[in-house]
Amino acid sequence: MQSDHPDIYLASQSPRREALLRQAGIAFRQLQVAVDESRRSEEESPEVFVLRLALEKARAGWHQVREREPLPVLGADTVVALDDELFGKPRDRDDAIAMLERLSGESHRVLTGVALVDDREATRLSFSTVTFRPLSRAEVECYWDTGEPADKAGAYGIQGLGAVFIEHLEGSYSGVTGLPLFEVADLLDEFGIDFRRHW
């Protein structure tokens, strides 16, 4: 919940992450941060990549607030991985359609890194496996036209229309959505933040 008495800052403008924090009863304010979200090299594993970006986002947010309101800053990043290929947000229609056609009928990994930063730093990693049923080209094109895939890793949203593609999920629903609440709660507990007082 956006709060006059927040426990943390969220270094993200994502409405999905905002909704998940509200769901967990965590009082927060949002920050806008800008970091380079490109992969450093093909050798950077998906696990290292998402944890690095989550930490960079949280550090950037902490740099903004530490002098005026030194509350811990939460950063997060999500990536979809199929074999050695990483799928972030699609560049355009053709990119989204290509991603969805690659994911069609396959099992892929969704990794979300979360980081909490103040004078300390801690990270957690959420790992899930998602299996898509086979998708037709017409269905993929129709899905793109809804606008839903444009700003989502892997070009689909499990919390929206994209749920109809998912045959099986093993792992964290909130992690696939973009903010794994089990791991976030664990970080807040590590930092001694009693977010449950808002329940």
Foldseek 3Di string as FASTA:
>chain_A
DADPDFQEEEQDPDPLVVVVCVVVQHYYHYDHDDDDLDDPDLPQAPQNSFQVQQQVSQVRVQVVPCVPHQHKYKGKDKWKDDPSDIFFAAPDLVRLLVLVQVLAQHKIKMKMKMWIDGPDIDIDIWIKIWHFHHDDSVRSNVLVVVVQQRHGHSSDACVDPRVVGTPDMDTANSSNNIDRPVRVVVVCVVVVHPSVVSD
